[in-house]
N, C-alpha and C. Protein backbone atom coordinates (compact mmCIF):
# COMPACT_ATOMS: atom_id res chain seq x y z
N MET A 1 -160.05 -97.55 94.09
CA MET A 1 -159.78 -96.46 93.35
C MET A 1 -158.51 -95.67 93.89
N LYS A 2 -158.61 -95.44 95.12
CA LYS A 2 -157.59 -94.78 95.77
C LYS A 2 -155.85 -95.52 95.71
N THR A 3 -156.25 -96.84 95.81
CA THR A 3 -155.29 -97.72 95.95
C THR A 3 -154.40 -97.89 94.57
N LYS A 4 -155.24 -97.80 93.46
CA LYS A 4 -154.60 -98.08 92.16
C LYS A 4 -154.03 -96.72 91.82
N PHE A 5 -154.62 -95.55 92.33
CA PHE A 5 -153.71 -94.24 91.93
C PHE A 5 -152.57 -94.31 92.86
N LEU A 6 -152.56 -94.70 94.06
CA LEU A 6 -151.32 -94.80 94.83
C LEU A 6 -150.59 -95.63 94.29
N ILE A 7 -150.76 -97.02 93.73
CA ILE A 7 -149.61 -97.69 93.24
C ILE A 7 -149.21 -97.12 91.91
N ALA A 8 -149.94 -96.48 91.07
CA ALA A 8 -149.45 -95.90 89.85
C ALA A 8 -148.64 -94.40 90.25
N CYS A 9 -148.76 -93.90 91.24
CA CYS A 9 -147.94 -92.72 91.57
C CYS A 9 -146.61 -93.62 92.00
N ILE A 10 -146.53 -94.41 93.09
CA ILE A 10 -145.31 -94.90 93.59
C ILE A 10 -144.60 -95.61 92.29
N THR A 11 -145.21 -96.38 91.57
CA THR A 11 -144.71 -96.83 90.24
C THR A 11 -143.90 -95.83 89.21
N LEU A 12 -144.69 -95.00 89.02
CA LEU A 12 -144.18 -93.73 88.30
C LEU A 12 -142.94 -93.03 88.88
N GLY A 13 -143.19 -92.70 89.95
CA GLY A 13 -142.10 -92.21 90.82
C GLY A 13 -140.94 -93.06 91.02
N ALA A 14 -140.80 -94.36 91.01
CA ALA A 14 -139.82 -95.30 91.00
C ALA A 14 -139.08 -95.21 89.63
N LEU A 15 -139.83 -95.15 88.58
CA LEU A 15 -139.30 -95.04 87.28
C LEU A 15 -138.48 -93.88 86.91
N LEU A 16 -139.04 -92.94 87.63
CA LEU A 16 -138.30 -91.33 87.26
C LEU A 16 -137.33 -90.94 88.00
N ILE A 17 -137.11 -91.70 89.03
CA ILE A 17 -135.83 -91.31 89.95
C ILE A 17 -134.57 -91.52 89.32
N PRO A 18 -134.26 -92.92 88.99
CA PRO A 18 -133.14 -93.19 88.00
C PRO A 18 -133.02 -91.89 86.98
N VAL A 19 -133.95 -91.49 86.26
CA VAL A 19 -133.79 -90.70 84.97
C VAL A 19 -133.37 -89.47 85.58
N ALA A 20 -134.02 -88.95 86.57
CA ALA A 20 -133.81 -87.49 87.16
C ALA A 20 -132.39 -87.48 87.79
N SER A 21 -131.91 -88.70 88.10
CA SER A 21 -130.38 -88.54 88.66
C SER A 21 -129.35 -88.22 87.30
N TYR A 22 -129.54 -88.65 86.22
CA TYR A 22 -128.74 -88.44 85.05
C TYR A 22 -128.98 -87.09 84.62
N ALA A 23 -129.79 -86.32 85.08
CA ALA A 23 -130.01 -84.99 84.55
C ALA A 23 -129.28 -84.07 85.57
N ASP A 24 -127.83 -84.21 85.33
CA ASP A 24 -126.94 -83.26 85.87
C ASP A 24 -126.48 -82.15 85.09
N ASP A 25 -127.03 -80.94 85.46
CA ASP A 25 -126.19 -79.66 85.01
C ASP A 25 -125.07 -79.37 85.63
N SER A 26 -123.79 -79.50 85.44
CA SER A 26 -122.78 -79.22 86.05
C SER A 26 -122.45 -77.80 85.98
N ASP A 27 -122.97 -77.10 84.64
CA ASP A 27 -122.48 -75.66 84.57
C ASP A 27 -123.36 -74.94 85.45
N ALA A 28 -124.48 -75.46 85.89
CA ALA A 28 -125.42 -74.33 86.78
C ALA A 28 -125.20 -74.38 88.07
N ASN A 29 -124.53 -73.34 88.61
CA ASN A 29 -124.42 -73.18 89.88
C ASN A 29 -125.43 -72.50 90.54
N ARG A 30 -126.57 -73.18 91.16
CA ARG A 30 -127.67 -72.90 91.49
C ARG A 30 -127.76 -72.14 92.83
N SER A 31 -126.52 -72.25 93.52
CA SER A 31 -126.44 -71.63 94.84
C SER A 31 -126.00 -70.23 94.64
N GLN A 32 -125.42 -69.77 93.41
CA GLN A 32 -125.05 -68.54 93.36
C GLN A 32 -125.39 -67.97 91.71
N PRO A 33 -126.83 -67.83 91.64
CA PRO A 33 -127.50 -67.59 90.46
C PRO A 33 -126.79 -66.37 89.70
N LYS A 34 -126.15 -65.30 90.50
CA LYS A 34 -125.71 -64.13 89.84
C LYS A 34 -124.28 -64.66 89.17
N VAL A 35 -123.63 -65.55 89.76
CA VAL A 35 -122.27 -66.05 89.13
C VAL A 35 -122.51 -66.68 87.90
N TYR A 36 -123.64 -67.46 88.00
CA TYR A 36 -123.86 -68.61 86.84
C TYR A 36 -124.45 -67.64 85.83
N ALA A 37 -125.21 -66.64 86.02
CA ALA A 37 -125.52 -65.70 85.07
C ALA A 37 -124.55 -64.92 84.27
N LYS A 38 -123.71 -64.50 85.23
CA LYS A 38 -122.40 -63.67 84.71
C LYS A 38 -121.71 -64.59 83.84
N ASP A 39 -121.43 -65.81 84.23
CA ASP A 39 -120.56 -66.83 83.44
C ASP A 39 -121.40 -67.24 82.13
N THR A 40 -122.65 -67.24 82.20
CA THR A 40 -123.39 -67.38 80.91
C THR A 40 -122.95 -66.48 80.01
N ALA A 41 -123.05 -65.03 80.46
CA ALA A 41 -122.94 -64.00 79.62
C ALA A 41 -121.61 -64.18 79.20
N ILE A 42 -120.67 -64.39 79.76
CA ILE A 42 -119.27 -64.28 79.37
C ILE A 42 -119.30 -65.31 78.16
N THR A 43 -119.75 -66.31 78.29
CA THR A 43 -119.67 -67.65 77.25
C THR A 43 -120.23 -66.83 76.07
N THR A 44 -121.25 -66.34 76.17
CA THR A 44 -122.10 -65.73 75.02
C THR A 44 -121.13 -64.58 74.21
N LYS A 45 -120.61 -63.83 74.94
CA LYS A 45 -119.73 -62.75 74.62
C LYS A 45 -118.74 -63.48 73.43
N ILE A 46 -118.24 -64.40 74.23
CA ILE A 46 -116.88 -65.03 73.47
C ILE A 46 -117.50 -65.69 72.21
N LYS A 47 -118.35 -66.56 72.43
CA LYS A 47 -118.86 -66.98 71.03
C LYS A 47 -119.43 -66.15 70.17
N ALA A 48 -120.06 -65.02 70.65
CA ALA A 48 -120.37 -63.80 69.56
C ALA A 48 -119.14 -63.37 68.82
N GLN A 49 -118.14 -63.04 69.66
CA GLN A 49 -116.86 -62.46 69.18
C GLN A 49 -116.25 -63.36 68.09
N LEU A 50 -116.25 -64.60 68.38
CA LEU A 50 -115.73 -65.68 67.51
C LEU A 50 -116.40 -65.77 66.07
N ALA A 51 -117.75 -65.74 66.24
CA ALA A 51 -118.34 -65.55 65.08
C ALA A 51 -118.26 -64.23 64.48
N LYS A 52 -118.16 -63.12 64.99
CA LYS A 52 -118.04 -61.82 64.48
C LYS A 52 -116.65 -61.88 63.61
N GLU A 53 -115.58 -62.59 63.88
CA GLU A 53 -114.12 -62.54 63.49
C GLU A 53 -114.02 -63.74 62.66
N HIS A 54 -115.36 -64.28 62.27
CA HIS A 54 -115.21 -65.43 61.02
C HIS A 54 -114.41 -66.56 61.31
N MET A 55 -114.29 -66.91 62.55
CA MET A 55 -113.26 -68.10 62.96
C MET A 55 -114.23 -69.63 62.60
N ALA A 56 -115.37 -69.53 62.47
CA ALA A 56 -116.10 -70.86 62.25
C ALA A 56 -115.65 -71.79 61.18
N SER A 57 -114.77 -71.17 60.12
CA SER A 57 -114.26 -72.23 59.23
C SER A 57 -113.15 -72.48 59.59
N THR A 58 -112.25 -72.05 60.61
CA THR A 58 -111.02 -72.59 60.96
C THR A 58 -111.00 -73.11 62.40
N ILE A 59 -112.20 -73.40 63.14
CA ILE A 59 -111.97 -73.70 64.20
C ILE A 59 -113.42 -74.36 64.87
N LYS A 60 -113.60 -75.29 65.55
CA LYS A 60 -114.81 -75.79 66.16
C LYS A 60 -114.44 -76.09 67.56
N ILE A 61 -114.69 -75.22 68.14
CA ILE A 61 -114.51 -74.96 69.54
C ILE A 61 -115.73 -74.74 70.52
N SER A 62 -115.52 -75.42 71.71
CA SER A 62 -116.75 -75.07 72.93
C SER A 62 -116.02 -74.24 73.76
N VAL A 63 -116.89 -73.54 74.26
CA VAL A 63 -116.52 -72.41 75.27
C VAL A 63 -117.31 -72.82 76.62
N ASP A 64 -116.49 -72.67 77.65
CA ASP A 64 -117.25 -73.04 79.15
C ASP A 64 -116.61 -72.18 80.04
N THR A 65 -117.52 -71.52 80.72
CA THR A 65 -117.24 -70.33 81.80
C THR A 65 -117.71 -71.01 83.26
N VAL A 66 -116.84 -71.14 84.15
CA VAL A 66 -117.17 -71.30 85.59
C VAL A 66 -116.56 -70.41 86.50
N ASN A 67 -116.88 -70.56 87.54
CA ASN A 67 -116.22 -69.84 88.57
C ASN A 67 -115.97 -68.50 88.63
N ASN A 68 -117.06 -67.67 87.93
CA ASN A 68 -116.88 -66.18 88.12
C ASN A 68 -115.91 -65.80 86.98
N GLY A 69 -115.65 -66.45 85.87
CA GLY A 69 -114.90 -65.89 84.70
C GLY A 69 -113.72 -66.81 84.24
N ASP A 70 -113.68 -68.04 84.79
CA ASP A 70 -112.60 -69.03 84.52
C ASP A 70 -113.28 -69.61 83.27
N VAL A 71 -112.40 -69.44 82.03
CA VAL A 71 -113.00 -70.07 80.71
C VAL A 71 -112.03 -71.07 80.23
N THR A 72 -112.52 -72.11 79.82
CA THR A 72 -112.03 -73.27 79.15
C THR A 72 -112.59 -73.36 77.53
N LEU A 73 -111.56 -73.53 76.79
CA LEU A 73 -111.82 -73.67 75.29
C LEU A 73 -111.43 -75.00 74.93
N THR A 74 -112.32 -75.76 74.44
CA THR A 74 -111.96 -77.32 73.93
C THR A 74 -112.61 -77.32 72.32
N GLY A 75 -111.95 -78.31 71.82
CA GLY A 75 -112.19 -78.55 70.58
C GLY A 75 -111.14 -78.68 69.60
N SER A 76 -111.35 -78.12 68.26
CA SER A 76 -110.21 -78.15 67.21
C SER A 76 -109.98 -77.00 66.68
N ALA A 77 -108.72 -76.83 66.04
CA ALA A 77 -108.65 -75.50 64.98
C ALA A 77 -107.64 -76.28 64.06
N ARG A 78 -108.02 -75.58 62.87
CA ARG A 78 -106.98 -76.17 61.58
C ARG A 78 -105.39 -75.60 61.75
N THR A 79 -105.25 -74.60 62.49
CA THR A 79 -103.83 -73.85 62.62
C THR A 79 -103.64 -73.56 64.01
N GLN A 80 -102.36 -73.37 64.60
CA GLN A 80 -101.98 -72.96 65.71
C GLN A 80 -102.36 -71.65 65.93
N ALA A 81 -102.31 -70.83 64.70
CA ALA A 81 -102.68 -69.62 64.88
C ALA A 81 -103.99 -69.05 64.99
N ALA A 82 -105.03 -69.92 64.43
CA ALA A 82 -106.39 -69.91 64.69
C ALA A 82 -106.82 -70.38 66.19
N ALA A 83 -105.84 -71.20 66.92
CA ALA A 83 -106.14 -71.65 68.27
C ALA A 83 -105.96 -70.48 69.04
N ASP A 84 -104.50 -69.72 68.61
CA ASP A 84 -104.01 -68.85 69.61
C ASP A 84 -105.24 -67.39 69.33
N GLU A 85 -105.70 -67.35 68.07
CA GLU A 85 -106.48 -66.17 68.16
C GLU A 85 -107.95 -66.32 69.04
N ALA A 86 -108.40 -67.57 69.03
CA ALA A 86 -109.57 -67.89 69.70
C ALA A 86 -109.17 -67.45 71.41
N VAL A 87 -108.17 -67.97 71.70
CA VAL A 87 -107.50 -67.87 73.20
C VAL A 87 -107.29 -66.33 73.21
N SER A 88 -106.75 -65.62 72.36
CA SER A 88 -106.78 -64.20 72.73
C SER A 88 -108.02 -63.42 72.75
N ILE A 89 -109.10 -64.02 71.73
CA ILE A 89 -110.30 -63.24 71.92
C ILE A 89 -111.04 -63.59 73.47
N ALA A 90 -110.80 -64.82 73.66
CA ALA A 90 -111.38 -65.01 74.92
C ALA A 90 -110.97 -64.20 76.16
N ARG A 91 -109.38 -64.16 76.13
CA ARG A 91 -108.70 -63.15 77.27
C ARG A 91 -108.81 -61.87 77.09
N LYS A 92 -109.42 -61.22 75.99
CA LYS A 92 -109.92 -59.78 75.84
C LYS A 92 -111.27 -59.52 76.39
N THR A 93 -112.08 -60.35 76.61
CA THR A 93 -113.45 -60.60 76.79
C THR A 93 -113.59 -59.94 78.39
N GLU A 94 -114.46 -58.97 78.22
CA GLU A 94 -114.96 -58.49 79.63
C GLU A 94 -115.35 -59.54 80.72
N GLY A 95 -114.81 -59.26 82.03
CA GLY A 95 -115.25 -60.31 82.86
C GLY A 95 -114.46 -61.80 82.80
N VAL A 96 -113.67 -61.94 82.02
CA VAL A 96 -112.80 -63.28 81.95
C VAL A 96 -111.48 -62.95 83.00
N ASN A 97 -111.17 -64.01 83.85
CA ASN A 97 -110.20 -63.93 84.92
C ASN A 97 -109.12 -64.90 84.20
N ASN A 98 -109.31 -65.92 83.63
CA ASN A 98 -108.39 -66.86 83.22
C ASN A 98 -108.86 -67.63 81.96
N VAL A 99 -107.94 -67.99 81.22
CA VAL A 99 -108.24 -68.87 79.97
C VAL A 99 -107.34 -70.03 79.92
N HIS A 100 -108.12 -71.28 79.93
CA HIS A 100 -107.27 -72.53 79.65
C HIS A 100 -107.68 -73.03 78.27
N SER A 101 -106.79 -73.49 77.59
CA SER A 101 -107.15 -73.91 76.15
C SER A 101 -106.75 -75.32 76.30
N ASP A 102 -107.81 -76.16 75.59
CA ASP A 102 -107.53 -77.43 75.40
C ASP A 102 -107.75 -77.90 73.81
N ILE A 103 -107.71 -76.94 72.97
CA ILE A 103 -107.71 -76.72 71.41
C ILE A 103 -106.80 -77.65 71.04
N LYS A 104 -107.13 -78.61 70.06
CA LYS A 104 -106.14 -79.37 69.21
C LYS A 104 -106.23 -79.00 67.99
N ILE A 105 -104.84 -79.12 67.40
CA ILE A 105 -104.79 -78.69 65.78
C ILE A 105 -104.80 -80.08 65.01
N LYS A 106 -105.99 -79.75 64.15
CA LYS A 106 -106.49 -80.87 63.12
C LYS A 106 -106.48 -80.25 61.70
N ALA A 107 -105.32 -80.28 60.98
CA ALA A 107 -105.41 -79.74 59.88
C ALA A 107 -106.41 -80.15 58.85
N ASP A 108 -106.77 -81.51 59.00
CA ASP A 108 -107.86 -82.09 58.07
C ASP A 108 -109.08 -82.25 58.50
N ASP A 109 -109.53 -81.36 59.31
CA ASP A 109 -110.77 -81.37 60.00
C ASP A 109 -111.65 -80.51 59.15
């Protein structure tokens, strides 16, 4: 009985190791949880402000904050003015140190 249990545990462990290796949370800086929490709060503030400005119809962007306030905006916008407004909103957000924009202009999106 103990042998079957041991074999089952080893087999299950061998199957889960490859799965666990794919579960990489690159945004989570586990060594500095305060920084991670601050970055998450900044991302949330930016997304809330974009929603408040009713920009969802003109942009489809992702917001990523790392390294204690460095923000990257990616995705698409219908106009350059909409992309510029998203960058401006991000820059005005408290706690943001730097904003990098990878927003592409796609008028037919």
